Amino acid sequence: MTEGEARGQRTAAPASRLGLAMFGLYVLLYGGFITLVLVRPDLVAERPFGGVNLAIACGLGLILAAVLLSVVYMVARAGR
């Protein structure tokens, strides 16, 4: 086994744990959004942001959260 392969194996496990933890966080965020839609559809229909309803705002927030989590993961992987 080369030195690069050994280093790759040593960093793969922590990166996998980080990726799984971040995925779990995103699943919780998404699950919370879906629960909100199912439990309080009247709440997500409100328009607190100048015509954009809360469901759209939360959906965009989920997209931004996914992008942010992917950047954090990318930076964490580059630092190893």
C-alpha atoms as a PDB file:
ATOM      1  CA  MET A   1       0.000   0.000   0.000  1.00  0.00           C
ATOM      2  CA  THR A   2       1.355   3.398  -0.917  1.00  0.00           C
ATOM      3  CA  GLU A   3       1.561   6.305   1.484  1.00  0.00           C
ATOM      4  CA  GLY A   4      -1.237   8.145  -0.336  1.00  0.00           C
ATOM      5  CA  GLU A   5      -3.563   5.141  -0.119  1.00  0.00           C
ATOM      6  CA  ALA A   6      -2.916   4.795   3.619  1.00  0.00           C
ATOM      7  CA  ARG A   7      -3.586   8.489   4.173  1.00  0.00           C
ATOM      8  CA  GLY A   8      -6.787   8.221   2.107  1.00  0.00           C
ATOM      9  CA  GLN A   9      -8.032   5.358   4.238  1.00  0.00           C
ATOM     10  CA  ARG A  10      -7.266   7.250   7.471  1.00  0.00           C
ATOM     11  CA  THR A  11      -9.252  10.313   6.331  1.00  0.00           C
ATOM     12  CA  ALA A  12     -12.165   8.448   4.735  1.00  0.00           C
ATOM     13  CA  ALA A  13     -13.787   7.344   8.001  1.00  0.00           C
ATOM     14  CA  PRO A  14     -13.938  10.801   9.650  1.00  0.00           C
ATOM     15  CA  ALA A  15     -15.174  12.318   6.392  1.00  0.00           C
ATOM     16  CA  SER A  16     -17.867   9.657   6.139  1.00  0.00           C
ATOM     17  CA  ARG A  17     -18.990  10.373   9.709  1.00  0.00           C
ATOM     18  CA  LEU A  18     -19.068  14.101   8.999  1.00  0.00           C
ATOM     19  CA  GLY A  19     -21.055  13.545   5.815  1.00  0.00           C
ATOM     20  CA  LEU A  20     -23.538  11.301   7.610  1.00  0.00           C
ATOM     21  CA  ALA A  21     -23.943  13.809  10.454  1.00  0.00           C
ATOM     22  CA  MET A  22     -24.574  16.631   7.993  1.00  0.00           C
ATOM     23  CA  PHE A  23     -27.034  14.477   6.067  1.00  0.00           C
ATOM     24  CA  GLY A  24     -28.828  13.709   9.336  1.00  0.00           C
ATOM     25  CA  LEU A  25     -29.032  17.426  10.101  1.00  0.00           C
ATOM     26  CA  TYR A  26     -30.525  18.131   6.685  1.00  0.00           C
ATOM     27  CA  VAL A  27     -33.045  15.297   7.081  1.00  0.00           C
ATOM     28  CA  LEU A  28     -34.136  16.859  10.389  1.00  0.00           C
ATOM     29  CA  LEU A  29     -34.539  20.259   8.724  1.00  0.00           C
ATOM     30  CA  TYR A  30     -36.520  18.783   5.852  1.00  0.00           C
ATOM     31  CA  GLY A  31     -38.606  16.644   8.196  1.00  0.00           C
ATOM     32  CA  GLY A  32     -39.409  19.733  10.247  1.00  0.00           C
ATOM     33  CA  PHE A  33     -40.549  21.551   7.124  1.00  0.00           C
ATOM     34  CA  ILE A  34     -42.734  18.658   6.000  1.00  0.00           C
ATOM     35  CA  THR A  35     -44.192  18.328   9.503  1.00  0.00           C
ATOM     36  CA  LEU A  36     -44.985  22.035   9.514  1.00  0.00           C
ATOM     37  CA  VAL A  37     -46.734  21.736   6.156  1.00  0.00           C
ATOM     38  CA  LEU A  38     -48.775  18.764   7.349  1.00  0.00           C
ATOM     39  CA  VAL A  39     -49.649  20.096  10.805  1.00  0.00           C
ATOM     40  CA  ARG A  40     -50.066  23.817  10.132  1.00  0.00           C
ATOM     41  CA  PRO A  41     -50.902  24.439   6.461  1.00  0.00           C
ATOM     42  CA  ASP A  42     -52.499  27.723   7.503  1.00  0.00           C
ATOM     43  CA  LEU A  43     -49.177  28.924   8.880  1.00  0.00           C
ATOM     44  CA  VAL A  44     -47.146  28.161   5.757  1.00  0.00           C
ATOM     45  CA  ALA A  45     -49.791  29.887   3.628  1.00  0.00           C
ATOM     46  CA  GLU A  46     -49.154  33.236   5.335  1.00  0.00           C
ATOM     47  CA  ARG A  47     -47.240  35.882   3.400  1.00  0.00           C
ATOM     48  CA  PRO A  48     -44.859  37.610   5.823  1.00  0.00           C
ATOM     49  CA  PHE A  49     -42.253  38.513   3.184  1.00  0.00           C
ATOM     50  CA  GLY A  50     -44.052  40.866   0.831  1.00  0.00           C
ATOM     51  CA  GLY A  51     -46.109  38.408  -1.167  1.00  0.00           C
ATOM     52  CA  VAL A  52     -43.907  35.323  -0.814  1.00  0.00           C
ATOM     53  CA  ASN A  53     -45.597  32.729   1.340  1.00  0.00           C
ATOM     54  CA  LEU A  54     -43.773  31.009   4.175  1.00  0.00           C
ATOM     55  CA  ALA A  55     -43.672  27.658   2.349  1.00  0.00           C
ATOM     56  CA  ILE A  56     -41.668  29.174  -0.514  1.00  0.00           C
ATOM     57  CA  ALA A  57     -39.369  31.005   1.898  1.00  0.00           C
ATOM     58  CA  CYS A  58     -38.751  27.804   3.868  1.00  0.00           C
ATOM     59  CA  GLY A  59     -38.126  25.867   0.645  1.00  0.00           C
ATOM     60  CA  LEU A  60     -35.516  28.403  -0.426  1.00  0.00           C
ATOM     61  CA  GLY A  61     -34.044  28.188   3.064  1.00  0.00           C
ATOM     62  CA  LEU A  62     -33.726  24.423   2.662  1.00  0.00           C
ATOM     63  CA  ILE A  63     -31.933  24.879  -0.650  1.00  0.00           C
ATOM     64  CA  LEU A  64     -29.550  27.396   0.920  1.00  0.00           C
ATOM     65  CA  ALA A  65     -28.974  25.041   3.861  1.00  0.00           C
ATOM     66  CA  ALA A  66     -28.048  22.241   1.447  1.00  0.00           C
ATOM     67  CA  VAL A  67     -25.587  24.493  -0.375  1.00  0.00           C
ATOM     68  CA  LEU A  68     -24.092  25.704   2.913  1.00  0.00           C
ATOM     69  CA  LEU A  69     -23.715  22.156   4.232  1.00  0.00           C
ATOM     70  CA  SER A  70     -22.022  21.066   1.010  1.00  0.00           C
ATOM     71  CA  VAL A  71     -19.558  23.964   1.210  1.00  0.00           C
ATOM     72  CA  VAL A  72     -18.793  23.155   4.843  1.00  0.00           C
ATOM     73  CA  TYR A  73     -18.199  19.520   3.896  1.00  0.00           C
ATOM     74  CA  MET A  74     -15.994  20.501   0.969  1.00  0.00           C
ATOM     75  CA  VAL A  75     -13.880  22.801   3.155  1.00  0.00           C
ATOM     76  CA  ALA A  76     -13.620  20.139   5.880  1.00  0.00           C
ATOM     77  CA  ARG A  77     -12.483  17.554   3.334  1.00  0.00           C
ATOM     78  CA  ALA A  78      -9.925  19.924   1.812  1.00  0.00           C
ATOM     79  CA  GLY A  79      -8.436  20.604   5.253  1.00  0.00           C
ATOM     80  CA  ARG A  80      -7.614  16.937   5.882  1.00  0.00           C
END
